């Protein structure tokens, strides 16, 4: 009965009188019969599941780390810190679909899992997720970056912002609705790194635009480097960028790959 109740919860079964029959999701899965359909159904009904795949792409995780990652990204899940039962259930779902495998005490993406992550950041951009009041109370839905008019999977955005404490390390802006996911190696030139969490920063919309327009960068020690031709009458840009040249910004351990920074800076004539 516990299994039947769960299948009812996710839409695979529904009760009719004293019997059970396939629900809408169940009919869809039986009709298609592939992992892609099953994963989409599960992600639609389990907030944060896709976020877990993005996080695992950055490195293998223990159950405790999985549990914390899910709560950090989606506090509305509501389970207790240190509880791993739900984390175990989620990784086992992904294992059953061949997307995750267990390696000792840790869980890691399989090749199929990595392939899914690489395409999902763009293909799932039209999916919707409504954050809880504990984040910013705004409807995410499809997130459109203002610089390149591109769309991101809102789960990738939520995962990236959570990883960086939902704060721009340059400006200090900490309202999720005012933050962008900025790619160090550009979205257009390095499609293989679009879903790489170690290739992104959380920047305010203004600072994301300034970064993409090569007005400033950071070095491999995460110190601010300012384009010598950058002039501004903006007090905000003067105070947060120009006056801070040489200062080290706050980047979480493992949050950014230094080699990507070096590769990005090699393309800048003024660095």
C-alpha atoms as a PDB file:
ATOM      1  CA  UNK A   1       0.000   0.000   0.000  1.00  0.00           C
ATOM      2  CA  UNK A   2       2.898   2.379   0.680  1.00  0.00           C
ATOM      3  CA  UNK A   3       4.138   1.856  -2.875  1.00  0.00           C
ATOM      4  CA  UNK A   4       0.654   2.286  -4.314  1.00  0.00           C
ATOM      5  CA  UNK A   5       0.165   5.484  -2.322  1.00  0.00           C
ATOM      6  CA  UNK A   6       3.451   6.856  -3.602  1.00  0.00           C
ATOM      7  CA  UNK A   7       2.540   6.022  -7.201  1.00  0.00           C
ATOM      8  CA  UNK A   8      -0.752   7.823  -6.642  1.00  0.00           C
ATOM      9  CA  UNK A   9       1.102  10.835  -5.239  1.00  0.00           C
ATOM     10  CA  UNK A  10       3.260  11.218  -8.355  1.00  0.00           C
ATOM     11  CA  UNK A  11       0.365  10.621 -10.726  1.00  0.00           C
ATOM     12  CA  UNK A  12       1.150   7.115 -11.949  1.00  0.00           C
ATOM     13  CA  UNK A  13      -1.944   5.543 -10.343  1.00  0.00           C
ATOM     14  CA  UNK A  14      -5.396   6.704  -9.324  1.00  0.00           C
ATOM     15  CA  UNK A  15      -8.151   4.979  -7.345  1.00  0.00           C
ATOM     16  CA  UNK A  16     -11.439   4.022  -8.980  1.00  0.00           C
ATOM     17  CA  UNK A  17     -13.992   2.500  -6.617  1.00  0.00           C
ATOM     18  CA  UNK A  18     -12.114  -0.420  -5.035  1.00  0.00           C
ATOM     19  CA  UNK A  19      -9.488  -0.694  -7.746  1.00  0.00           C
ATOM     20  CA  UNK A  20      -6.443   1.172  -8.975  1.00  0.00           C
ATOM     21  CA  UNK A  21      -5.782   2.182 -12.551  1.00  0.00           C
ATOM     22  CA  UNK A  22      -3.103   4.108 -14.398  1.00  0.00           C
ATOM     23  CA  UNK A  23      -3.181   7.852 -13.842  1.00  0.00           C
ATOM     24  CA  UNK A  24      -2.202  10.477 -16.396  1.00  0.00           C
ATOM     25  CA  UNK A  25       1.541  10.162 -15.715  1.00  0.00           C
ATOM     26  CA  UNK A  26       1.277   6.376 -15.680  1.00  0.00           C
ATOM     27  CA  UNK A  27      -0.412   6.291 -19.084  1.00  0.00           C
ATOM     28  CA  UNK A  28       2.191   8.644 -20.492  1.00  0.00           C
ATOM     29  CA  UNK A  29       5.074   6.550 -19.207  1.00  0.00           C
ATOM     30  CA  UNK A  30       3.572   3.249 -20.384  1.00  0.00           C
ATOM     31  CA  UNK A  31       2.970   4.818 -23.796  1.00  0.00           C
ATOM     32  CA  UNK A  32       6.514   6.180 -24.175  1.00  0.00           C
ATOM     33  CA  UNK A  33       8.402   3.650 -22.065  1.00  0.00           C
ATOM     34  CA  UNK A  34      11.704   5.523 -21.941  1.00  0.00           C
ATOM     35  CA  UNK A  35      13.913   6.985 -19.220  1.00  0.00           C
ATOM     36  CA  UNK A  36      13.632  10.525 -20.588  1.00  0.00           C
ATOM     37  CA  UNK A  37       9.861  10.517 -20.104  1.00  0.00           C
ATOM     38  CA  UNK A  38      10.162   8.977 -16.640  1.00  0.00           C
ATOM     39  CA  UNK A  39      12.767  11.539 -15.552  1.00  0.00           C
ATOM     40  CA  UNK A  40      10.657  14.444 -16.809  1.00  0.00           C
ATOM     41  CA  UNK A  41       7.639  13.145 -14.911  1.00  0.00           C
ATOM     42  CA  UNK A  42       9.671  12.688 -11.734  1.00  0.00           C
ATOM     43  CA  UNK A  43      11.287  16.125 -12.026  1.00  0.00           C
ATOM     44  CA  UNK A  44       7.902  17.760 -12.588  1.00  0.00           C
ATOM     45  CA  UNK A  45       6.620  16.220  -9.368  1.00  0.00           C
ATOM     46  CA  UNK A  46       9.718  16.415  -7.184  1.00  0.00           C
ATOM     47  CA  UNK A  47      11.172  19.893  -6.778  1.00  0.00           C
ATOM     48  CA  UNK A  48      14.953  19.877  -6.579  1.00  0.00           C
ATOM     49  CA  UNK A  49      15.555  16.533  -8.277  1.00  0.00           C
ATOM     50  CA  UNK A  50      17.116  18.167 -11.325  1.00  0.00           C
ATOM     51  CA  UNK A  51      19.104  20.457  -9.049  1.00  0.00           C
ATOM     52  CA  UNK A  52      20.667  17.353  -7.513  1.00  0.00           C
ATOM     53  CA  UNK A  53      21.840  16.204 -10.938  1.00  0.00           C
ATOM     54  CA  UNK A  54      23.531  19.560 -11.537  1.00  0.00           C
ATOM     55  CA  UNK A  55      25.204  19.404  -8.127  1.00  0.00           C
ATOM     56  CA  UNK A  56      26.463  15.859  -8.734  1.00  0.00           C
ATOM     57  CA  UNK A  57      27.969  17.026 -12.025  1.00  0.00           C
ATOM     58  CA  UNK A  58      30.327  19.168  -9.934  1.00  0.00           C
ATOM     59  CA  UNK A  59      31.509  16.155  -7.921  1.00  0.00           C
ATOM     60  CA  UNK A  60      30.397  13.044  -6.057  1.00  0.00           C
ATOM     61  CA  UNK A  61      28.502  13.496  -2.783  1.00  0.00           C
ATOM     62  CA  UNK A  62      27.650  11.558   0.364  1.00  0.00           C
ATOM     63  CA  UNK A  63      24.029  11.198   1.456  1.00  0.00           C
ATOM     64  CA  UNK A  64      24.549  13.909   4.085  1.00  0.00           C
ATOM     65  CA  UNK A  65      25.917  16.252   1.407  1.00  0.00           C
ATOM     66  CA  UNK A  66      22.998  15.411  -0.886  1.00  0.00           C
ATOM     67  CA  UNK A  67      20.544  16.204   1.902  1.00  0.00           C
ATOM     68  CA  UNK A  68      22.203  19.555   2.634  1.00  0.00           C
ATOM     69  CA  UNK A  69      22.423  20.476  -1.046  1.00  0.00           C
ATOM     70  CA  UNK A  70      18.719  19.845  -1.533  1.00  0.00           C
ATOM     71  CA  UNK A  71      17.790  21.919   1.527  1.00  0.00           C
ATOM     72  CA  UNK A  72      20.197  24.739   0.625  1.00  0.00           C
ATOM     73  CA  UNK A  73      18.686  24.992  -2.849  1.00  0.00           C
ATOM     74  CA  UNK A  74      15.075  24.321  -1.860  1.00  0.00           C
ATOM     75  CA  UNK A  75      14.431  25.112   1.833  1.00  0.00           C
ATOM     76  CA  UNK A  76      10.738  24.487   1.212  1.00  0.00           C
ATOM     77  CA  UNK A  77      11.444  20.726   1.122  1.00  0.00           C
ATOM     78  CA  UNK A  78      11.302  21.023   4.882  1.00  0.00           C
ATOM     79  CA  UNK A  79      13.074  17.923   6.133  1.00  0.00           C
ATOM     80  CA  UNK A  80      15.453  18.191   9.085  1.00  0.00           C
ATOM     81  CA  UNK A  81      19.158  18.890   8.746  1.00  0.00           C
ATOM     82  CA  UNK A  82      21.068  15.649   9.116  1.00  0.00           C
ATOM     83  CA  UNK A  83      18.128  13.549   7.897  1.00  0.00           C
ATOM     84  CA  UNK A  84      19.182  11.341   4.977  1.00  0.00           C
ATOM     85  CA  UNK A  85      16.095   9.202   4.303  1.00  0.00           C
ATOM     86  CA  UNK A  86      14.732  11.532   1.609  1.00  0.00           C
ATOM     87  CA  UNK A  87      18.194  12.051   0.149  1.00  0.00           C
ATOM     88  CA  UNK A  88      18.602   8.267  -0.140  1.00  0.00           C
ATOM     89  CA  UNK A  89      15.210   7.967  -1.811  1.00  0.00           C
ATOM     90  CA  UNK A  90      16.168  10.596  -4.375  1.00  0.00           C
ATOM     91  CA  UNK A  91      19.553   9.137  -5.288  1.00  0.00           C
ATOM     92  CA  UNK A  92      17.946   5.708  -5.564  1.00  0.00           C
ATOM     93  CA  UNK A  93      15.371   7.083  -8.011  1.00  0.00           C
ATOM     94  CA  UNK A  94      18.221   8.397 -10.126  1.00  0.00           C
ATOM     95  CA  UNK A  95      20.143   5.135  -9.761  1.00  0.00           C
ATOM     96  CA  UNK A  96      17.117   3.188 -10.994  1.00  0.00           C
ATOM     97  CA  UNK A  97      17.134   5.340 -14.137  1.00  0.00           C
ATOM     98  CA  UNK A  98      20.845   4.734 -14.717  1.00  0.00           C
ATOM     99  CA  UNK A  99      21.786   8.371 -14.127  1.00  0.00           C
ATOM    100  CA  UNK A 100      23.609   7.938 -10.808  1.00  0.00           C
ATOM    101  CA  UNK A 101      25.842   5.220  -9.392  1.00  0.00           C
ATOM    102  CA  UNK A 102      27.176   4.505  -5.914  1.00  0.00           C
ATOM    103  CA  UNK A 103      30.927   4.636  -5.384  1.00  0.00           C
ATOM    104  CA  UNK A 104      31.772   3.599  -1.851  1.00  0.00           C
ATOM    105  CA  UNK A 105      29.984   6.021   0.460  1.00  0.00           C
ATOM    106  CA  UNK A 106      29.423   8.571  -2.303  1.00  0.00           C
ATOM    107  CA  UNK A 107      27.110   8.972  -5.278  1.00  0.00           C
ATOM    108  CA  UNK A 108      28.222  10.154  -8.698  1.00  0.00           C
ATOM    109  CA  UNK A 109      26.737  10.731 -12.144  1.00  0.00           C
ATOM    110  CA  UNK A 110      27.045   8.021 -14.758  1.00  0.00           C
ATOM    111  CA  UNK A 111      27.904   8.888 -18.358  1.00  0.00           C
ATOM    112  CA  UNK A 112      24.162   9.022 -19.098  1.00  0.00           C
ATOM    113  CA  UNK A 113      23.699  11.377 -16.152  1.00  0.00           C
ATOM    114  CA  UNK A 114      26.426  13.687 -17.409  1.00  0.00           C
ATOM    115  CA  UNK A 115      24.900  13.668 -20.877  1.00  0.00           C
ATOM    116  CA  UNK A 116      21.529  14.647 -19.441  1.00  0.00           C
ATOM    117  CA  UNK A 117      23.013  17.520 -17.420  1.00  0.00           C
ATOM    118  CA  UNK A 118      24.872  18.928 -20.419  1.00  0.00           C
ATOM    119  CA  UNK A 119      21.658  19.277 -22.414  1.00  0.00           C
ATOM    120  CA  UNK A 120      19.182  20.013 -19.617  1.00  0.00           C
ATOM    121  CA  UNK A 121      20.451  23.513 -18.768  1.00  0.00           C
ATOM    122  CA  UNK A 122      19.039  24.759 -22.068  1.00  0.00           C
ATOM    123  CA  UNK A 123      16.374  22.179 -22.930  1.00  0.00           C
ATOM    124  CA  UNK A 124      14.592  22.579 -19.576  1.00  0.00           C
ATOM    125  CA  UNK A 125      14.559  26.372 -19.704  1.00  0.00           C
ATOM    126  CA  UNK A 126      10.790  26.377 -20.249  1.00  0.00           C
ATOM    127  CA  UNK A 127      10.113  24.425 -17.074  1.00  0.00           C
ATOM    128  CA  UNK A 128       8.626  26.260 -14.137  1.00  0.00           C
ATOM    129  CA  UNK A 129       9.433  26.387 -10.455  1.00  0.00           C
ATOM    130  CA  UNK A 130       7.878  28.717  -7.914  1.00  0.00           C
ATOM    131  CA  UNK A 131      10.267  29.436  -5.025  1.00  0.00           C
ATOM    132  CA  UNK A 132       9.032  29.551  -1.461  1.00  0.00           C
ATOM    133  CA  UNK A 133       8.670  32.738   0.552  1.00  0.00           C
ATOM    134  CA  UNK A 134      11.951  31.872   2.259  1.00  0.00           C
ATOM    135  CA  UNK A 135      13.827  32.770  -0.927  1.00  0.00           C
ATOM    136  CA  UNK A 136      12.563  35.817  -2.796  1.00  0.00           C
ATOM    137  CA  UNK A 137       8.846  35.188  -3.135  1.00  0.00           C
ATOM    138  CA  UNK A 138       9.032  35.766  -6.873  1.00  0.00           C
ATOM    139  CA  UNK A 139       7.942  33.394  -9.611  1.00  0.00           C
ATOM    140  CA  UNK A 140      10.974  32.060 -11.443  1.00  0.00           C
ATOM    141  CA  UNK A 141       9.514  30.156 -14.375  1.00  0.00           C
ATOM    142  CA  UNK A 142      11.760  30.607 -17.388  1.00  0.00           C
ATOM    143  CA  UNK A 143      14.701  32.736 -16.416  1.00  0.00           C
ATOM    144  CA  UNK A 144      16.064  34.994 -19.147  1.00  0.00           C
ATOM    145  CA  UNK A 145      19.538  36.450 -18.744  1.00  0.00           C
ATOM    146  CA  UNK A 146      19.561  40.095 -19.773  1.00  0.00           C
ATOM    147  CA  UNK A 147      22.980  40.088 -21.407  1.00  0.00           C
ATOM    148  CA  UNK A 148      22.598  37.427 -24.072  1.00  0.00           C
ATOM    149  CA  UNK A 149      18.789  36.979 -24.045  1.00  0.00           C
ATOM    150  CA  UNK A 150      19.270  33.304 -23.340  1.00  0.00           C
ATOM    151  CA  UNK A 151      17.117  31.028 -21.208  1.00  0.00           C
ATOM    152  CA  UNK A 152      18.348  28.823 -18.373  1.00  0.00           C
ATOM    153  CA  UNK A 153      16.770  25.915 -16.589  1.00  0.00           C
ATOM    154  CA  UNK A 154      15.445  27.566 -13.390  1.00  0.00           C
ATOM    155  CA  UNK A 155      16.767  24.569 -11.428  1.00  0.00           C
ATOM    156  CA  UNK A 156      20.291  25.248 -12.699  1.00  0.00           C
ATOM    157  CA  UNK A 157      19.894  28.892 -11.724  1.00  0.00           C
ATOM    158  CA  UNK A 158      18.642  27.946  -8.242  1.00  0.00           C
ATOM    159  CA  UNK A 159      21.517  25.498  -7.777  1.00  0.00           C
ATOM    160  CA  UNK A 160      24.155  27.993  -8.893  1.00  0.00           C
ATOM    161  CA  UNK A 161      22.823  30.825  -6.731  1.00  0.00           C
ATOM    162  CA  UNK A 162      22.594  28.551  -3.695  1.00  0.00           C
ATOM    163  CA  UNK A 163      26.181  27.411  -4.251  1.00  0.00           C
ATOM    164  CA  UNK A 164      27.321  31.060  -4.051  1.00  0.00           C
ATOM    165  CA  UNK A 165      25.184  31.984  -1.067  1.00  0.00           C
ATOM    166  CA  UNK A 166      22.678  33.931  -3.211  1.00  0.00           C
ATOM    167  CA  UNK A 167      24.988  36.950  -3.047  1.00  0.00           C
ATOM    168  CA  UNK A 168      27.004  38.812  -5.670  1.00  0.00           C
ATOM    169  CA  UNK A 169      30.617  38.731  -4.382  1.00  0.00           C
ATOM    170  CA  UNK A 170      31.444  42.008  -6.122  1.00  0.00           C
ATOM    171  CA  UNK A 171      28.470  44.217  -5.234  1.00  0.00           C
ATOM    172  CA  UNK A 172      27.023  42.446  -2.215  1.00  0.00           C
ATOM    173  CA  UNK A 173      23.553  42.334  -3.816  1.00  0.00           C
ATOM    174  CA  UNK A 174      21.708  39.492  -2.093  1.00  0.00           C
ATOM    175  CA  UNK A 175      18.223  39.556  -3.606  1.00  0.00           C
ATOM    176  CA  UNK A 176      17.812  36.501  -5.893  1.00  0.00           C
ATOM    177  CA  UNK A 177      15.570  38.428  -8.282  1.00  0.00           C
ATOM    178  CA  UNK A 178      18.431  40.851  -8.957  1.00  0.00           C
ATOM    179  CA  UNK A 179      21.094  38.198  -9.553  1.00  0.00           C
ATOM    180  CA  UNK A 180      22.288  36.553 -12.754  1.00  0.00           C
ATOM    181  CA  UNK A 181      24.197  33.341 -13.386  1.00  0.00           C
ATOM    182  CA  UNK A 182      27.341  34.577 -15.132  1.00  0.00           C
ATOM    183  CA  UNK A 183      29.476  32.155 -17.147  1.00  0.00           C
ATOM    184  CA  UNK A 184      33.250  32.632 -16.999  1.00  0.00           C
ATOM    185  CA  UNK A 185      33.846  30.677 -20.209  1.00  0.00           C
ATOM    186  CA  UNK A 186      31.111  32.132 -22.351  1.00  0.00           C
ATOM    187  CA  UNK A 187      27.827  30.382 -23.063  1.00  0.00           C
ATOM    188  CA  UNK A 188      28.167  30.791 -26.832  1.00  0.00           C
ATOM    189  CA  UNK A 189      31.805  29.768 -27.249  1.00  0.00           C
ATOM    190  CA  UNK A 190      31.967  26.927 -24.718  1.00  0.00           C
ATOM    191  CA  UNK A 191      28.679  24.984 -24.874  1.00  0.00           C
ATOM    192  CA  UNK A 192      30.337  22.038 -23.125  1.00  0.00           C
ATOM    193  CA  UNK A 193      30.652  24.183 -19.976  1.00  0.00           C
ATOM    194  CA  UNK A 194      27.128  25.634 -19.929  1.00  0.00           C
ATOM    195  CA  UNK A 195      25.998  23.295 -17.143  1.00  0.00           C
ATOM    196  CA  UNK A 196      29.332  23.304 -15.301  1.00  0.00           C
ATOM    197  CA  UNK A 197      28.774  24.810 -11.855  1.00  0.00           C
ATOM    198  CA  UNK A 198      32.499  25.519 -11.501  1.00  0.00           C
ATOM    199  CA  UNK A 199      32.195  27.834 -14.523  1.00  0.00           C
ATOM    200  CA  UNK A 200      29.614  30.227 -13.077  1.00  0.00           C
ATOM    201  CA  UNK A 201      29.374  33.109 -10.618  1.00  0.00           C
ATOM    202  CA  UNK A 202      26.367  34.774  -9.045  1.00  0.00           C
ATOM    203  CA  UNK A 203      26.584  38.419 -10.149  1.00  0.00           C
ATOM    204  CA  UNK A 204      24.137  41.279  -9.963  1.00  0.00           C
ATOM    205  CA  UNK A 205      22.602  42.105 -13.313  1.00  0.00           C
ATOM    206  CA  UNK A 206      24.709  45.263 -13.626  1.00  0.00           C
ATOM    207  CA  UNK A 207      27.948  43.506 -12.707  1.00  0.00           C
ATOM    208  CA  UNK A 208      27.138  40.580 -14.985  1.00  0.00           C
ATOM    209  CA  UNK A 209      26.801  43.010 -17.882  1.00  0.00           C
ATOM    210  CA  UNK A 210      30.071  44.716 -16.898  1.00  0.00           C
ATOM    211  CA  UNK A 211      31.857  41.370 -16.674  1.00  0.00           C
ATOM    212  CA  UNK A 212      30.591  40.179 -20.057  1.00  0.00           C
ATOM    213  CA  UNK A 213      31.604  43.517 -21.593  1.00  0.00           C
ATOM    214  CA  UNK A 214      35.137  42.935 -20.273  1.00  0.00           C
ATOM    215  CA  UNK A 215      35.105  45.971 -17.982  1.00  0.00           C
ATOM    216  CA  UNK A 216      36.508  43.849 -15.177  1.00  0.00           C
ATOM    217  CA  UNK A 217      37.551  40.284 -14.472  1.00  0.00           C
ATOM    218  CA  UNK A 218      39.065  38.271 -11.632  1.00  0.00           C
ATOM    219  CA  UNK A 219      42.404  36.484 -11.543  1.00  0.00           C
ATOM    220  CA  UNK A 220      43.118  32.908 -10.457  1.00  0.00           C
ATOM    221  CA  UNK A 221      43.358  34.088  -6.846  1.00  0.00           C
ATOM    222  CA  UNK A 222      39.894  35.664  -7.272  1.00  0.00           C
ATOM    223  CA  UNK A 223      41.203  39.243  -7.050  1.00  0.00           C
ATOM    224  CA  UNK A 224      39.403  41.972  -8.975  1.00  0.00           C
ATOM    225  CA  UNK A 225      41.152  43.220 -12.115  1.00  0.00           C
ATOM    226  CA  UNK A 226      39.746  46.349 -13.756  1.00  0.00           C
ATOM    227  CA  UNK A 227      40.052  47.280 -17.423  1.00  0.00           C
ATOM    228  CA  UNK A 228      42.264  50.422 -17.456  1.00  0.00           C
ATOM    229  CA  UNK A 229      39.897  52.001 -19.993  1.00  0.00           C
ATOM    230  CA  UNK A 230      36.880  51.573 -17.718  1.00  0.00           C
ATOM    231  CA  UNK A 231      35.597  55.000 -16.702  1.00  0.00           C
ATOM    232  CA  UNK A 232      32.318  55.670 -14.975  1.00  0.00           C
ATOM    233  CA  UNK A 233      30.384  58.343 -13.150  1.00  0.00           C
ATOM    234  CA  UNK A 234      28.342  55.703 -11.350  1.00  0.00           C
ATOM    235  CA  UNK A 235      28.961  55.735  -7.609  1.00  0.00           C
ATOM    236  CA  UNK A 236      27.967  52.082  -7.435  1.00  0.00           C
ATOM    237  CA  UNK A 237      30.445  50.923 -10.074  1.00  0.00           C
ATOM    238  CA  UNK A 238      33.164  53.193  -8.720  1.00  0.00           C
ATOM    239  CA  UNK A 239      32.719  51.839  -5.200  1.00  0.00           C
ATOM    240  CA  UNK A 240      32.173  48.143  -6.001  1.00  0.00           C
ATOM    241  CA  UNK A 241      34.575  47.678  -8.918  1.00  0.00           C
ATOM    242  CA  UNK A 242      37.146  50.419  -9.539  1.00  0.00           C
ATOM    243  CA  UNK A 243      37.889  51.204  -5.888  1.00  0.00           C
ATOM    244  CA  UNK A 244      38.171  47.496  -5.086  1.00  0.00           C
ATOM    245  CA  UNK A 245      40.801  46.668  -7.718  1.00  0.00           C
ATOM    246  CA  UNK A 246      43.187  44.063  -6.336  1.00  0.00           C
ATOM    247  CA  UNK A 247      40.798  42.950  -3.583  1.00  0.00           C
ATOM    248  CA  UNK A 248      39.927  39.269  -3.297  1.00  0.00           C
ATOM    249  CA  UNK A 249      36.244  38.476  -3.738  1.00  0.00           C
ATOM    250  CA  UNK A 250      34.525  35.735  -1.778  1.00  0.00           C
ATOM    251  CA  UNK A 251      34.207  32.491  -3.739  1.00  0.00           C
ATOM    252  CA  UNK A 252      33.262  29.252  -1.932  1.00  0.00           C
ATOM    253  CA  UNK A 253      35.808  26.444  -1.897  1.00  0.00           C
ATOM    254  CA  UNK A 254      35.524  24.586  -5.181  1.00  0.00           C
ATOM    255  CA  UNK A 255      33.000  27.117  -6.398  1.00  0.00           C
ATOM    256  CA  UNK A 256      35.026  28.205  -9.423  1.00  0.00           C
ATOM    257  CA  UNK A 257      37.665  26.437 -11.507  1.00  0.00           C
ATOM    258  CA  UNK A 258      40.829  28.613 -11.600  1.00  0.00           C
ATOM    259  CA  UNK A 259      41.785  27.185 -14.988  1.00  0.00           C
ATOM    260  CA  UNK A 260      38.557  28.530 -16.487  1.00  0.00           C
ATOM    261  CA  UNK A 261      39.427  31.957 -15.097  1.00  0.00           C
ATOM    262  CA  UNK A 262      42.901  31.753 -16.655  1.00  0.00           C
ATOM    263  CA  UNK A 263      41.434  30.672 -19.989  1.00  0.00           C
ATOM    264  CA  UNK A 264      38.930  33.530 -19.923  1.00  0.00           C
ATOM    265  CA  UNK A 265      41.585  36.099 -19.055  1.00  0.00           C
ATOM    266  CA  UNK A 266      43.907  34.860 -21.810  1.00  0.00           C
ATOM    267  CA  UNK A 267      41.361  36.180 -24.297  1.00  0.00           C
ATOM    268  CA  UNK A 268      41.435  39.705 -22.812  1.00  0.00           C
ATOM    269  CA  UNK A 269      44.001  41.997 -24.399  1.00  0.00           C
ATOM    270  CA  UNK A 270      44.325  44.223 -21.338  1.00  0.00           C
ATOM    271  CA  UNK A 271      45.038  41.527 -18.740  1.00  0.00           C
END
